[in-house]
Amino acid sequence: MHKLLITLAIGLTAAIIDVAPMLWQKMDRLFIASAFFVWLVLGLFIPKINFIANAFLNGVIVALLFVLPLSFLIYKFDSKGLPMVIITTIILGGAVGYFSKLLLG
């Protein structure tokens, strides 16, 4: 139970970081909700999936694979926003991987 709460807290933190600029820009609520839940779920999945030993890079890989199907929809609705989504995914995915390893061992 303790590990579940830690992973949820990490995912929630990443979600808030990702969603805050979206709220400031007054983006569509469904886009905001989608981004929020993607990071909440990634906070649960990244610590459980191990492609490589490096926690930061593992987080990046898992996050990019998770966001890949969404990228087609993002490109269709806002092609100029896709590079920012990829950059954010790399940064937050790596951070979730790093802090998951740091806090969960």
N, C-alpha and C. Protein backbone atom coordinates (compact mmCIF):
# COMPACT_ATOMS: atom_id res chain seq x y z
N MET A 1 0.82 -1.20 0.00
CA MET A 1 0.00 0.00 0.00
C MET A 1 0.87 1.26 0.00
N HIS A 2 1.96 1.19 0.74
CA HIS A 2 2.88 2.33 0.82
C HIS A 2 3.46 2.66 -0.55
N LYS A 3 3.88 1.62 -1.31
CA LYS A 3 4.45 1.85 -2.63
C LYS A 3 3.41 2.40 -3.60
N LEU A 4 2.17 1.93 -3.47
CA LEU A 4 1.11 2.43 -4.33
C LEU A 4 0.89 3.93 -4.11
N LEU A 5 0.90 4.35 -2.87
CA LEU A 5 0.72 5.77 -2.57
C LEU A 5 1.88 6.61 -3.10
N ILE A 6 3.09 6.07 -3.02
CA ILE A 6 4.25 6.79 -3.54
C ILE A 6 4.14 6.94 -5.06
N THR A 7 3.78 5.85 -5.76
CA THR A 7 3.67 5.92 -7.21
C THR A 7 2.53 6.86 -7.63
N LEU A 8 1.44 6.85 -6.89
CA LEU A 8 0.36 7.79 -7.19
C LEU A 8 0.79 9.23 -6.96
N ALA A 9 1.55 9.46 -5.90
CA ALA A 9 2.04 10.81 -5.63
C ALA A 9 2.99 11.28 -6.72
N ILE A 10 3.86 10.40 -7.19
CA ILE A 10 4.78 10.76 -8.28
C ILE A 10 3.98 11.07 -9.55
N GLY A 11 3.02 10.22 -9.88
CA GLY A 11 2.19 10.45 -11.06
C GLY A 11 1.36 11.71 -10.94
N LEU A 12 0.83 11.96 -9.76
CA LEU A 12 0.05 13.17 -9.53
C LEU A 12 0.90 14.43 -9.68
N THR A 13 2.12 14.37 -9.19
CA THR A 13 3.03 15.51 -9.32
C THR A 13 3.34 15.78 -10.79
N ALA A 14 3.63 14.72 -11.55
CA ALA A 14 3.90 14.88 -12.98
C ALA A 14 2.66 15.41 -13.70
N ALA A 15 1.49 14.93 -13.30
CA ALA A 15 0.24 15.39 -13.92
C ALA A 15 0.02 16.87 -13.68
N ILE A 16 0.25 17.31 -12.46
CA ILE A 16 0.06 18.72 -12.13
C ILE A 16 1.05 19.59 -12.91
N ILE A 17 2.29 19.13 -13.01
CA ILE A 17 3.31 19.88 -13.75
C ILE A 17 2.91 20.00 -15.23
N ASP A 18 2.37 18.92 -15.78
CA ASP A 18 1.99 18.93 -17.19
C ASP A 18 0.73 19.75 -17.43
N VAL A 19 -0.20 19.69 -16.53
CA VAL A 19 -1.50 20.32 -16.73
C VAL A 19 -1.50 21.81 -16.40
N ALA A 20 -0.64 22.26 -15.52
CA ALA A 20 -0.64 23.66 -15.10
C ALA A 20 -0.56 24.64 -16.28
N PRO A 21 0.38 24.46 -17.23
CA PRO A 21 0.40 25.40 -18.36
C PRO A 21 -0.85 25.29 -19.24
N MET A 22 -1.43 24.11 -19.29
CA MET A 22 -2.64 23.91 -20.09
C MET A 22 -3.81 24.69 -19.48
N LEU A 23 -3.87 24.69 -18.16
CA LEU A 23 -4.91 25.46 -17.47
C LEU A 23 -4.71 26.96 -17.70
N TRP A 24 -3.46 27.38 -17.64
CA TRP A 24 -3.12 28.79 -17.84
C TRP A 24 -3.51 29.25 -19.24
N GLN A 25 -3.33 28.36 -20.23
CA GLN A 25 -3.68 28.68 -21.61
C GLN A 25 -5.16 28.47 -21.90
N LYS A 26 -5.90 28.00 -20.90
CA LYS A 26 -7.34 27.76 -21.02
C LYS A 26 -7.65 26.81 -22.17
N MET A 27 -6.92 25.70 -22.20
CA MET A 27 -7.15 24.68 -23.22
C MET A 27 -8.43 23.91 -22.92
N ASP A 28 -8.86 23.14 -23.87
CA ASP A 28 -10.07 22.34 -23.72
C ASP A 28 -9.97 21.41 -22.52
N ARG A 29 -11.05 21.29 -21.77
CA ARG A 29 -11.05 20.46 -20.55
C ARG A 29 -10.73 19.00 -20.83
N LEU A 30 -11.15 18.48 -21.98
CA LEU A 30 -10.87 17.08 -22.30
C LEU A 30 -9.39 16.84 -22.55
N PHE A 31 -8.71 17.81 -23.18
CA PHE A 31 -7.26 17.69 -23.37
C PHE A 31 -6.55 17.69 -22.01
N ILE A 32 -7.02 18.56 -21.14
CA ILE A 32 -6.42 18.66 -19.80
C ILE A 32 -6.66 17.37 -19.01
N ALA A 33 -7.88 16.87 -19.06
CA ALA A 33 -8.19 15.63 -18.35
C ALA A 33 -7.39 14.46 -18.90
N SER A 34 -7.24 14.40 -20.21
CA SER A 34 -6.47 13.34 -20.84
C SER A 34 -5.01 13.37 -20.38
N ALA A 35 -4.41 14.55 -20.42
CA ALA A 35 -3.01 14.68 -19.98
C ALA A 35 -2.87 14.33 -18.51
N PHE A 36 -3.82 14.76 -17.70
CA PHE A 36 -3.77 14.47 -16.26
C PHE A 36 -3.77 12.97 -16.01
N PHE A 37 -4.70 12.26 -16.63
CA PHE A 37 -4.80 10.83 -16.38
C PHE A 37 -3.68 10.03 -17.02
N VAL A 38 -3.14 10.51 -18.14
CA VAL A 38 -1.97 9.84 -18.73
C VAL A 38 -0.83 9.81 -17.72
N TRP A 39 -0.55 10.94 -17.06
CA TRP A 39 0.56 10.98 -16.11
C TRP A 39 0.24 10.26 -14.81
N LEU A 40 -1.00 10.26 -14.42
CA LEU A 40 -1.38 9.50 -13.23
C LEU A 40 -1.15 8.01 -13.47
N VAL A 41 -1.54 7.52 -14.63
CA VAL A 41 -1.35 6.11 -14.98
C VAL A 41 0.13 5.80 -15.21
N LEU A 42 0.85 6.71 -15.88
CA LEU A 42 2.28 6.49 -16.09
C LEU A 42 3.03 6.42 -14.76
N GLY A 43 2.57 7.16 -13.77
CA GLY A 43 3.17 7.08 -12.45
C GLY A 43 3.06 5.68 -11.86
N LEU A 44 2.04 4.95 -12.25
CA LEU A 44 1.87 3.56 -11.79
C LEU A 44 2.68 2.58 -12.64
N PHE A 45 2.75 2.83 -13.95
CA PHE A 45 3.37 1.88 -14.86
C PHE A 45 4.89 1.98 -14.94
N ILE A 46 5.43 3.17 -14.95
CA ILE A 46 6.87 3.33 -15.14
C ILE A 46 7.69 2.55 -14.10
N PRO A 47 7.34 2.57 -12.81
CA PRO A 47 8.14 1.80 -11.86
C PRO A 47 8.05 0.27 -12.07
N LYS A 48 7.00 -0.19 -12.72
CA LYS A 48 6.80 -1.63 -12.90
C LYS A 48 7.42 -2.19 -14.17
N ILE A 49 7.70 -1.33 -15.15
CA ILE A 49 8.23 -1.79 -16.44
C ILE A 49 9.71 -1.45 -16.50
N ASN A 50 10.53 -2.44 -16.77
CA ASN A 50 11.98 -2.24 -16.83
C ASN A 50 12.53 -2.71 -18.17
N PHE A 51 12.73 -1.77 -19.08
CA PHE A 51 13.38 -2.09 -20.35
C PHE A 51 14.89 -2.05 -20.20
N ILE A 52 15.38 -1.05 -19.46
CA ILE A 52 16.81 -0.90 -19.24
C ILE A 52 17.06 -0.55 -17.78
N ALA A 53 18.30 -0.68 -17.33
CA ALA A 53 18.63 -0.46 -15.92
C ALA A 53 18.59 1.01 -15.52
N ASN A 54 18.92 1.91 -16.43
CA ASN A 54 18.93 3.33 -16.11
C ASN A 54 17.49 3.81 -15.91
N ALA A 55 17.16 4.24 -14.70
CA ALA A 55 15.78 4.59 -14.35
C ALA A 55 15.27 5.78 -15.16
N PHE A 56 16.12 6.79 -15.37
CA PHE A 56 15.71 7.97 -16.14
C PHE A 56 15.36 7.57 -17.57
N LEU A 57 16.26 6.86 -18.23
CA LEU A 57 16.02 6.45 -19.62
C LEU A 57 14.86 5.47 -19.73
N ASN A 58 14.72 4.60 -18.76
CA ASN A 58 13.60 3.67 -18.75
C ASN A 58 12.28 4.45 -18.69
N GLY A 59 12.23 5.47 -17.83
CA GLY A 59 11.03 6.30 -17.74
C GLY A 59 10.72 7.00 -19.05
N VAL A 60 11.76 7.48 -19.72
CA VAL A 60 11.59 8.15 -21.01
C VAL A 60 11.01 7.17 -22.03
N ILE A 61 11.57 5.97 -22.10
CA ILE A 61 11.12 4.98 -23.08
C ILE A 61 9.67 4.59 -22.82
N VAL A 62 9.34 4.28 -21.58
CA VAL A 62 7.97 3.87 -21.26
C VAL A 62 6.99 5.01 -21.56
N ALA A 63 7.33 6.23 -21.18
CA ALA A 63 6.44 7.36 -21.42
C ALA A 63 6.25 7.61 -22.91
N LEU A 64 7.32 7.55 -23.69
CA LEU A 64 7.20 7.77 -25.13
C LEU A 64 6.36 6.67 -25.79
N LEU A 65 6.55 5.43 -25.36
CA LEU A 65 5.73 4.34 -25.91
C LEU A 65 4.27 4.50 -25.54
N PHE A 66 4.02 5.01 -24.36
CA PHE A 66 2.66 5.21 -23.88
C PHE A 66 1.97 6.35 -24.63
N VAL A 67 2.72 7.40 -24.94
CA VAL A 67 2.16 8.58 -25.59
C VAL A 67 2.13 8.43 -27.11
N LEU A 68 2.86 7.48 -27.65
CA LEU A 68 2.93 7.29 -29.10
C LEU A 68 1.56 7.21 -29.77
N PRO A 69 0.63 6.37 -29.30
CA PRO A 69 -0.68 6.34 -29.95
C PRO A 69 -1.43 7.68 -29.87
N LEU A 70 -1.25 8.38 -28.78
CA LEU A 70 -1.91 9.68 -28.62
C LEU A 70 -1.32 10.73 -29.55
N SER A 71 -0.07 10.54 -29.95
CA SER A 71 0.59 11.56 -30.76
C SER A 71 -0.09 11.75 -32.11
N PHE A 72 -0.73 10.72 -32.62
CA PHE A 72 -1.43 10.86 -33.90
C PHE A 72 -2.63 11.80 -33.75
N LEU A 73 -3.35 11.66 -32.64
CA LEU A 73 -4.48 12.55 -32.39
C LEU A 73 -4.01 13.97 -32.11
N ILE A 74 -2.93 14.07 -31.34
CA ILE A 74 -2.38 15.40 -31.05
C ILE A 74 -1.96 16.09 -32.34
N TYR A 75 -1.31 15.35 -33.22
CA TYR A 75 -0.87 15.92 -34.50
C TYR A 75 -2.05 16.39 -35.33
N LYS A 76 -3.14 15.61 -35.32
CA LYS A 76 -4.31 15.97 -36.10
C LYS A 76 -4.95 17.27 -35.59
N PHE A 77 -5.03 17.42 -34.28
CA PHE A 77 -5.70 18.59 -33.71
C PHE A 77 -4.78 19.79 -33.54
N ASP A 78 -3.49 19.55 -33.32
CA ASP A 78 -2.56 20.66 -33.12
C ASP A 78 -1.14 20.21 -33.49
N SER A 79 -0.84 20.24 -34.77
CA SER A 79 0.46 19.74 -35.24
C SER A 79 1.63 20.53 -34.66
N LYS A 80 1.42 21.81 -34.38
CA LYS A 80 2.49 22.63 -33.82
C LYS A 80 2.75 22.30 -32.36
N GLY A 81 1.78 21.71 -31.68
CA GLY A 81 1.93 21.36 -30.27
C GLY A 81 2.63 20.04 -30.03
N LEU A 82 2.73 19.20 -31.07
CA LEU A 82 3.31 17.87 -30.89
C LEU A 82 4.76 17.90 -30.41
N PRO A 83 5.64 18.75 -30.94
CA PRO A 83 7.02 18.78 -30.41
C PRO A 83 7.07 19.10 -28.91
N MET A 84 6.20 19.99 -28.44
CA MET A 84 6.18 20.32 -27.02
C MET A 84 5.69 19.13 -26.20
N VAL A 85 4.74 18.40 -26.73
CA VAL A 85 4.26 17.19 -26.03
C VAL A 85 5.39 16.18 -25.92
N ILE A 86 6.16 15.99 -26.97
CA ILE A 86 7.27 15.03 -26.95
C ILE A 86 8.34 15.47 -25.97
N ILE A 87 8.68 16.74 -25.97
CA ILE A 87 9.69 17.26 -25.04
C ILE A 87 9.22 17.10 -23.59
N THR A 88 7.97 17.45 -23.34
CA THR A 88 7.41 17.30 -22.00
C THR A 88 7.39 15.84 -21.58
N THR A 89 7.06 14.96 -22.51
CA THR A 89 7.02 13.52 -22.22
C THR A 89 8.41 13.01 -21.86
N ILE A 90 9.42 13.47 -22.57
CA ILE A 90 10.80 13.05 -22.27
C ILE A 90 11.22 13.53 -20.89
N ILE A 91 10.95 14.79 -20.59
CA ILE A 91 11.37 15.35 -19.30
C ILE A 91 10.60 14.70 -18.15
N LEU A 92 9.28 14.67 -18.24
CA LEU A 92 8.49 14.13 -17.14
C LEU A 92 8.64 12.61 -17.03
N GLY A 93 8.75 11.92 -18.16
CA GLY A 93 8.96 10.47 -18.12
C GLY A 93 10.26 10.12 -17.43
N GLY A 94 11.31 10.86 -17.76
CA GLY A 94 12.59 10.64 -17.10
C GLY A 94 12.52 10.95 -15.61
N ALA A 95 11.83 12.02 -15.28
CA ALA A 95 11.70 12.40 -13.86
C ALA A 95 10.90 11.36 -13.08
N VAL A 96 9.82 10.88 -13.67
CA VAL A 96 9.03 9.84 -12.99
C VAL A 96 9.87 8.58 -12.80
N GLY A 97 10.63 8.20 -13.81
CA GLY A 97 11.51 7.03 -13.68
C GLY A 97 12.57 7.23 -12.62
N TYR A 98 13.19 8.39 -12.61
CA TYR A 98 14.25 8.69 -11.65
C TYR A 98 13.72 8.69 -10.22
N PHE A 99 12.63 9.43 -9.99
CA PHE A 99 12.11 9.54 -8.63
C PHE A 99 11.46 8.25 -8.16
N SER A 100 10.92 7.47 -9.08
CA SER A 100 10.39 6.16 -8.70
C SER A 100 11.52 5.27 -8.18
N LYS A 101 12.62 5.26 -8.89
CA LYS A 101 13.78 4.46 -8.47
C LYS A 101 14.34 5.00 -7.15
N LEU A 102 14.42 6.30 -7.03
CA LEU A 102 14.95 6.93 -5.82
C LEU A 102 14.10 6.62 -4.60
N LEU A 103 12.78 6.72 -4.74
CA LEU A 103 11.90 6.57 -3.59
C LEU A 103 11.46 5.13 -3.31
N LEU A 104 11.46 4.31 -4.37
CA LEU A 104 11.01 2.93 -4.20
C LEU A 104 12.14 1.92 -4.18
N GLY A 105 13.29 2.34 -4.64
CA GLY A 105 14.47 1.45 -4.61
C GLY A 105 14.61 0.54 -5.77
